[in-house]
N, C-alpha and C. Protein backbone atom coordinates (compact mmCIF):
# COMPACT_ATOMS: atom_id res chain seq x y z
N MET A 1 -27.14 2.53 -29.13
CA MET A 1 -27.05 1.17 -28.63
C MET A 1 -25.60 0.76 -28.38
N THR A 2 -24.67 1.32 -29.14
CA THR A 2 -23.27 0.96 -29.01
C THR A 2 -22.69 1.44 -27.68
N LYS A 3 -23.08 2.64 -27.25
CA LYS A 3 -22.53 3.20 -26.01
C LYS A 3 -22.87 2.34 -24.79
N PRO A 4 -24.12 1.88 -24.59
CA PRO A 4 -24.39 1.01 -23.44
C PRO A 4 -23.61 -0.31 -23.50
N LEU A 5 -23.41 -0.85 -24.71
CA LEU A 5 -22.64 -2.09 -24.83
C LEU A 5 -21.17 -1.87 -24.46
N LEU A 6 -20.62 -0.73 -24.85
CA LEU A 6 -19.23 -0.41 -24.49
C LEU A 6 -19.09 -0.24 -22.98
N ILE A 7 -20.06 0.41 -22.36
CA ILE A 7 -20.03 0.59 -20.91
C ILE A 7 -20.13 -0.76 -20.21
N LEU A 8 -21.02 -1.62 -20.67
CA LEU A 8 -21.15 -2.96 -20.09
C LEU A 8 -19.88 -3.76 -20.28
N ALA A 9 -19.27 -3.68 -21.45
CA ALA A 9 -18.03 -4.40 -21.71
C ALA A 9 -16.91 -3.89 -20.81
N ALA A 10 -16.82 -2.59 -20.61
CA ALA A 10 -15.79 -2.02 -19.73
C ALA A 10 -16.01 -2.47 -18.30
N TRP A 11 -17.26 -2.49 -17.85
CA TRP A 11 -17.56 -2.94 -16.49
C TRP A 11 -17.17 -4.40 -16.32
N CYS A 12 -17.53 -5.25 -17.28
CA CYS A 12 -17.20 -6.68 -17.20
C CYS A 12 -15.69 -6.90 -17.19
N LEU A 13 -14.98 -6.13 -17.99
CA LEU A 13 -13.52 -6.24 -18.02
C LEU A 13 -12.91 -5.84 -16.68
N GLY A 14 -13.41 -4.76 -16.09
CA GLY A 14 -12.93 -4.33 -14.78
C GLY A 14 -13.22 -5.36 -13.70
N PHE A 15 -14.41 -5.93 -13.73
CA PHE A 15 -14.80 -6.94 -12.75
C PHE A 15 -13.92 -8.18 -12.89
N ALA A 16 -13.70 -8.61 -14.13
CA ALA A 16 -12.86 -9.78 -14.37
C ALA A 16 -11.43 -9.54 -13.92
N SER A 17 -10.90 -8.35 -14.15
CA SER A 17 -9.52 -8.07 -13.72
C SER A 17 -9.42 -8.02 -12.20
N ALA A 18 -10.47 -7.54 -11.52
CA ALA A 18 -10.47 -7.55 -10.05
C ALA A 18 -10.45 -8.98 -9.52
N LEU A 19 -11.24 -9.87 -10.11
CA LEU A 19 -11.25 -11.27 -9.70
C LEU A 19 -9.90 -11.93 -9.97
N LEU A 20 -9.32 -11.61 -11.10
CA LEU A 20 -8.01 -12.15 -11.45
C LEU A 20 -6.96 -11.68 -10.45
N GLY A 21 -7.02 -10.43 -10.06
CA GLY A 21 -6.08 -9.89 -9.07
C GLY A 21 -6.18 -10.61 -7.74
N LEU A 22 -7.40 -10.94 -7.33
CA LEU A 22 -7.58 -11.66 -6.07
C LEU A 22 -6.99 -13.06 -6.10
N THR A 23 -6.94 -13.67 -7.27
CA THR A 23 -6.37 -15.01 -7.36
C THR A 23 -4.86 -15.00 -7.22
N PHE A 24 -4.23 -13.86 -7.46
CA PHE A 24 -2.77 -13.78 -7.36
C PHE A 24 -2.29 -13.34 -6.00
N ILE A 25 -3.18 -13.04 -5.06
CA ILE A 25 -2.79 -12.67 -3.71
C ILE A 25 -2.35 -13.93 -2.98
N ASP A 26 -1.15 -13.92 -2.44
CA ASP A 26 -0.58 -15.08 -1.76
C ASP A 26 -1.02 -15.10 -0.31
N ARG A 27 -1.96 -15.96 0.01
CA ARG A 27 -2.49 -16.03 1.37
C ARG A 27 -1.59 -16.83 2.31
N ARG A 28 -0.57 -17.51 1.77
CA ARG A 28 0.33 -18.31 2.59
C ARG A 28 1.58 -17.54 2.99
N ALA A 29 1.74 -16.32 2.52
CA ALA A 29 2.94 -15.54 2.84
C ALA A 29 2.98 -15.25 4.34
N PRO A 30 4.17 -15.17 4.91
CA PRO A 30 4.28 -14.93 6.36
C PRO A 30 3.73 -13.56 6.74
N LYS A 31 3.03 -13.54 7.87
CA LYS A 31 2.46 -12.28 8.36
C LYS A 31 3.48 -11.58 9.23
N LEU A 32 3.75 -10.33 8.90
CA LEU A 32 4.67 -9.51 9.66
C LEU A 32 3.92 -8.32 10.23
N THR A 33 4.50 -7.69 11.23
CA THR A 33 3.91 -6.50 11.82
C THR A 33 4.82 -5.31 11.52
N GLY A 34 4.19 -4.19 11.19
CA GLY A 34 4.95 -2.98 10.91
C GLY A 34 4.15 -1.75 11.31
N THR A 35 4.81 -0.60 11.26
CA THR A 35 4.20 0.67 11.64
C THR A 35 4.27 1.63 10.46
N VAL A 36 3.15 2.28 10.15
CA VAL A 36 3.14 3.27 9.08
C VAL A 36 3.97 4.47 9.55
N VAL A 37 5.00 4.83 8.75
CA VAL A 37 5.87 5.94 9.13
C VAL A 37 5.78 7.13 8.17
N LEU A 38 5.37 6.90 6.93
CA LEU A 38 5.20 7.99 5.97
C LEU A 38 3.88 7.80 5.24
N ASP A 39 3.07 8.84 5.24
CA ASP A 39 1.76 8.79 4.62
C ASP A 39 1.40 10.21 4.21
N PHE A 40 0.83 10.38 3.03
CA PHE A 40 0.50 11.72 2.54
C PHE A 40 -0.88 11.70 1.88
N LYS A 41 -1.86 11.08 2.59
CA LYS A 41 -3.23 11.04 2.08
C LYS A 41 -3.85 12.42 2.22
N PRO A 42 -4.71 12.84 1.39
CA PRO A 42 -5.32 12.16 0.25
C PRO A 42 -4.58 12.41 -1.06
N PHE A 43 -3.40 13.01 -0.99
CA PHE A 43 -2.71 13.41 -2.21
C PHE A 43 -1.85 12.32 -2.82
N CYS A 44 -1.59 11.26 -2.07
CA CYS A 44 -0.74 10.18 -2.57
C CYS A 44 -1.24 8.86 -2.00
N GLN A 45 -1.28 7.83 -2.84
CA GLN A 45 -1.73 6.52 -2.40
C GLN A 45 -0.58 5.63 -1.92
N ASP A 46 0.65 6.10 -2.05
CA ASP A 46 1.80 5.35 -1.55
C ASP A 46 2.01 5.66 -0.07
N PHE A 47 2.55 4.70 0.66
CA PHE A 47 2.89 4.93 2.06
C PHE A 47 4.03 3.99 2.42
N VAL A 48 4.75 4.31 3.50
CA VAL A 48 5.91 3.54 3.91
C VAL A 48 5.65 2.93 5.28
N VAL A 49 6.04 1.66 5.43
CA VAL A 49 5.88 0.93 6.68
C VAL A 49 7.25 0.49 7.17
N GLN A 50 7.49 0.68 8.46
CA GLN A 50 8.73 0.21 9.07
C GLN A 50 8.47 -1.14 9.71
N THR A 51 9.30 -2.13 9.34
CA THR A 51 9.21 -3.47 9.94
C THR A 51 10.53 -3.75 10.66
N GLY A 52 10.63 -4.90 11.25
CA GLY A 52 11.87 -5.27 11.92
C GLY A 52 13.04 -5.45 10.97
N LYS A 53 12.77 -5.60 9.68
CA LYS A 53 13.82 -5.83 8.69
C LYS A 53 14.10 -4.62 7.82
N GLY A 54 13.47 -3.50 8.08
CA GLY A 54 13.70 -2.31 7.27
C GLY A 54 12.40 -1.59 6.96
N PHE A 55 12.39 -0.93 5.84
CA PHE A 55 11.24 -0.14 5.41
C PHE A 55 10.67 -0.72 4.13
N VAL A 56 9.35 -0.66 4.00
CA VAL A 56 8.66 -1.20 2.83
C VAL A 56 7.76 -0.11 2.27
N ILE A 57 7.78 0.06 0.94
CA ILE A 57 6.86 1.00 0.32
C ILE A 57 5.69 0.22 -0.25
N LEU A 58 4.49 0.73 0.02
CA LEU A 58 3.27 0.08 -0.45
C LEU A 58 2.41 1.08 -1.21
N LEU A 59 1.60 0.57 -2.11
CA LEU A 59 0.64 1.37 -2.86
C LEU A 59 -0.75 0.87 -2.50
N TRP A 60 -1.56 1.75 -1.87
CA TRP A 60 -2.92 1.38 -1.50
C TRP A 60 -3.72 1.13 -2.77
N GLU A 61 -4.48 0.02 -2.80
CA GLU A 61 -5.30 -0.32 -3.96
C GLU A 61 -6.79 -0.33 -3.65
N ASP A 62 -7.17 -0.89 -2.49
CA ASP A 62 -8.59 -1.03 -2.18
C ASP A 62 -8.76 -1.30 -0.69
N GLY A 63 -9.95 -1.09 -0.19
CA GLY A 63 -10.25 -1.38 1.21
C GLY A 63 -10.19 -0.14 2.07
N THR A 64 -9.91 -0.36 3.35
CA THR A 64 -9.94 0.74 4.30
C THR A 64 -8.91 1.81 3.98
N LEU A 65 -9.35 3.04 4.13
CA LEU A 65 -8.47 4.20 3.98
C LEU A 65 -8.20 4.83 5.33
N PHE A 66 -8.79 4.26 6.37
CA PHE A 66 -8.72 4.85 7.71
C PHE A 66 -7.50 4.35 8.46
N PHE A 67 -6.33 4.74 8.00
CA PHE A 67 -5.07 4.44 8.67
C PHE A 67 -4.12 5.60 8.39
N GLY A 68 -3.10 5.71 9.19
CA GLY A 68 -2.13 6.78 8.99
C GLY A 68 -0.87 6.51 9.78
N GLU A 69 -0.03 7.51 9.83
CA GLU A 69 1.25 7.38 10.53
C GLU A 69 1.03 6.96 11.98
N GLY A 70 1.82 5.96 12.39
CA GLY A 70 1.72 5.44 13.75
C GLY A 70 0.84 4.21 13.87
N ASP A 71 0.02 3.92 12.86
CA ASP A 71 -0.86 2.75 12.92
C ASP A 71 -0.07 1.48 12.64
N THR A 72 -0.51 0.38 13.25
CA THR A 72 0.12 -0.92 13.09
C THR A 72 -0.57 -1.68 11.96
N LEU A 73 0.25 -2.24 11.07
CA LEU A 73 -0.25 -3.07 9.97
C LEU A 73 0.26 -4.49 10.15
N VAL A 74 -0.58 -5.47 9.79
CA VAL A 74 -0.21 -6.88 9.89
C VAL A 74 -0.54 -7.55 8.56
N GLY A 75 0.44 -8.29 8.04
CA GLY A 75 0.22 -9.00 6.79
C GLY A 75 1.55 -9.37 6.16
N PRO A 76 1.50 -9.86 4.94
CA PRO A 76 2.72 -10.24 4.23
C PRO A 76 3.44 -9.00 3.68
N LEU A 77 4.04 -8.23 4.56
CA LEU A 77 4.61 -6.93 4.21
C LEU A 77 5.88 -7.03 3.36
N HIS A 78 6.50 -8.19 3.29
CA HIS A 78 7.71 -8.34 2.49
C HIS A 78 7.49 -9.18 1.24
N SER A 79 6.25 -9.51 0.93
CA SER A 79 5.93 -10.31 -0.25
C SER A 79 5.49 -9.40 -1.37
N GLN A 80 6.22 -9.42 -2.48
CA GLN A 80 5.94 -8.56 -3.62
C GLN A 80 4.53 -8.78 -4.16
N GLY A 81 3.95 -7.73 -4.73
CA GLY A 81 2.65 -7.82 -5.37
C GLY A 81 1.51 -7.39 -4.47
N SER A 82 0.29 -7.62 -4.94
CA SER A 82 -0.91 -7.25 -4.18
C SER A 82 -1.09 -8.19 -3.00
N GLN A 83 -1.31 -7.59 -1.82
CA GLN A 83 -1.45 -8.37 -0.59
C GLN A 83 -2.60 -7.83 0.24
N LEU A 84 -3.23 -8.72 1.01
CA LEU A 84 -4.24 -8.30 1.98
C LEU A 84 -3.51 -7.91 3.25
N ILE A 85 -3.69 -6.67 3.69
CA ILE A 85 -3.01 -6.12 4.85
C ILE A 85 -4.07 -5.64 5.83
N GLU A 86 -3.90 -5.98 7.12
CA GLU A 86 -4.83 -5.51 8.13
C GLU A 86 -4.26 -4.30 8.85
N ALA A 87 -5.03 -3.23 8.89
CA ALA A 87 -4.70 -2.08 9.72
C ALA A 87 -5.39 -2.34 11.05
N GLU A 88 -4.62 -2.69 12.07
CA GLU A 88 -5.19 -3.13 13.35
C GLU A 88 -6.21 -2.13 13.89
N GLY A 89 -7.41 -2.64 14.14
CA GLY A 89 -8.48 -1.82 14.69
C GLY A 89 -9.17 -0.93 13.67
N ARG A 90 -8.77 -1.02 12.42
CA ARG A 90 -9.34 -0.13 11.40
C ARG A 90 -9.94 -0.87 10.21
N GLY A 91 -9.46 -2.05 9.89
CA GLY A 91 -10.01 -2.80 8.77
C GLY A 91 -8.93 -3.40 7.90
N VAL A 92 -9.35 -3.97 6.78
CA VAL A 92 -8.45 -4.67 5.86
C VAL A 92 -8.38 -3.89 4.55
N MET A 93 -7.20 -3.92 3.96
CA MET A 93 -6.99 -3.26 2.67
C MET A 93 -6.20 -4.19 1.76
N THR A 94 -6.24 -3.86 0.48
CA THR A 94 -5.36 -4.49 -0.48
C THR A 94 -4.32 -3.45 -0.84
N ALA A 95 -3.06 -3.83 -0.74
CA ALA A 95 -1.98 -2.91 -1.07
C ALA A 95 -0.93 -3.66 -1.87
N ARG A 96 -0.30 -2.96 -2.79
CA ARG A 96 0.77 -3.55 -3.61
C ARG A 96 2.10 -3.26 -2.92
N VAL A 97 2.79 -4.33 -2.54
CA VAL A 97 4.09 -4.19 -1.87
C VAL A 97 5.13 -3.94 -2.95
N GLY A 98 5.83 -2.80 -2.81
CA GLY A 98 6.79 -2.41 -3.83
C GLY A 98 8.19 -2.92 -3.60
N GLY A 99 8.57 -3.12 -2.39
CA GLY A 99 9.91 -3.63 -2.14
C GLY A 99 10.47 -3.16 -0.82
N LEU A 100 11.53 -3.84 -0.39
CA LEU A 100 12.19 -3.55 0.87
C LEU A 100 13.24 -2.46 0.64
N LEU A 101 13.22 -1.46 1.50
CA LEU A 101 14.17 -0.35 1.43
C LEU A 101 15.07 -0.43 2.65
N PRO A 102 16.39 -0.22 2.49
CA PRO A 102 17.32 -0.50 3.58
C PRO A 102 17.32 0.48 4.74
N ASP A 103 16.98 1.74 4.49
CA ASP A 103 17.07 2.73 5.56
C ASP A 103 16.04 3.84 5.36
N LEU A 104 15.90 4.69 6.38
CA LEU A 104 14.92 5.77 6.35
C LEU A 104 15.19 6.76 5.22
N GLY A 105 16.45 7.11 5.00
CA GLY A 105 16.78 8.07 3.94
C GLY A 105 16.34 7.59 2.57
N THR A 106 16.59 6.33 2.27
CA THR A 106 16.15 5.76 1.00
C THR A 106 14.64 5.72 0.92
N ALA A 107 13.99 5.34 2.02
CA ALA A 107 12.52 5.29 2.06
C ALA A 107 11.93 6.68 1.80
N GLN A 108 12.52 7.70 2.42
CA GLN A 108 12.02 9.07 2.21
C GLN A 108 12.21 9.50 0.75
N GLN A 109 13.35 9.17 0.17
CA GLN A 109 13.63 9.55 -1.21
C GLN A 109 12.64 8.89 -2.17
N VAL A 110 12.43 7.58 -2.02
CA VAL A 110 11.49 6.86 -2.88
C VAL A 110 10.08 7.39 -2.68
N PHE A 111 9.71 7.65 -1.42
CA PHE A 111 8.38 8.17 -1.12
C PHE A 111 8.18 9.54 -1.78
N ARG A 112 9.16 10.42 -1.68
CA ARG A 112 9.07 11.74 -2.30
C ARG A 112 8.90 11.63 -3.82
N GLU A 113 9.68 10.74 -4.44
CA GLU A 113 9.60 10.56 -5.89
C GLU A 113 8.24 10.03 -6.31
N ARG A 114 7.75 9.01 -5.61
CA ARG A 114 6.47 8.40 -6.00
C ARG A 114 5.29 9.31 -5.73
N CYS A 115 5.41 10.18 -4.74
CA CYS A 115 4.30 11.09 -4.40
C CYS A 115 4.47 12.47 -5.03
N GLY A 116 5.58 12.71 -5.70
CA GLY A 116 5.80 14.01 -6.32
C GLY A 116 6.00 15.12 -5.30
N LEU A 117 6.65 14.83 -4.19
CA LEU A 117 6.87 15.81 -3.13
C LEU A 117 8.23 16.49 -3.31
N GLY A 118 8.25 17.77 -3.11
CA GLY A 118 9.49 18.52 -3.21
C GLY A 118 10.35 18.34 -1.97
N PRO A 119 11.60 18.79 -2.04
CA PRO A 119 12.51 18.64 -0.91
C PRO A 119 12.11 19.49 0.30
N ASP A 120 11.26 20.51 0.10
CA ASP A 120 10.85 21.36 1.21
C ASP A 120 9.64 20.81 1.98
N THR A 121 9.00 19.78 1.44
CA THR A 121 7.84 19.20 2.12
C THR A 121 8.33 18.38 3.32
N PRO A 122 7.89 18.73 4.53
CA PRO A 122 8.37 17.99 5.71
C PRO A 122 7.78 16.59 5.78
N LEU A 123 8.61 15.65 6.18
CA LEU A 123 8.18 14.27 6.39
C LEU A 123 8.40 13.93 7.85
N SER A 124 7.55 13.07 8.39
CA SER A 124 7.67 12.72 9.81
C SER A 124 8.77 11.68 10.01
N ARG A 125 9.09 11.43 11.24
CA ARG A 125 10.11 10.44 11.60
C ARG A 125 9.43 9.10 11.92
N PRO A 126 10.16 7.99 11.77
CA PRO A 126 9.57 6.68 12.08
C PRO A 126 9.30 6.54 13.59
N THR A 127 8.26 5.79 13.89
CA THR A 127 7.95 5.49 15.29
C THR A 127 8.57 4.15 15.62
N PRO A 128 9.06 3.97 16.85
CA PRO A 128 9.69 2.68 17.20
C PRO A 128 8.66 1.57 17.25
N ASN A 129 9.08 0.36 16.86
CA ASN A 129 8.19 -0.83 16.92
C ASN A 129 8.14 -1.37 18.31
């Protein structure tokens, strides 16, 4: 009898934390447009987006997985924390915005570290906006 109660309690805790996370998403943040320039699915949930102000690293949390390098994203790309981001023509996702990176070299270094990629793993180049 204890095992089903523990499973139910874990499910309720997960559900409550998901609802709590949705309350902290800032829907008033400015919507920006960017292009996915670094992505290493399915081995890494982090990806890098190039915007007009630099590069942003994001961590995919939920929603559509059908996006990749070259796709356009729209949403609060410079607002820290969990955000609702639209992959144009593909759907909506929740992603955690990690921060603004000043240049491609820094973005590649952070991406390699977060994804556990070695220096020999080739990374693509950014696409122009």
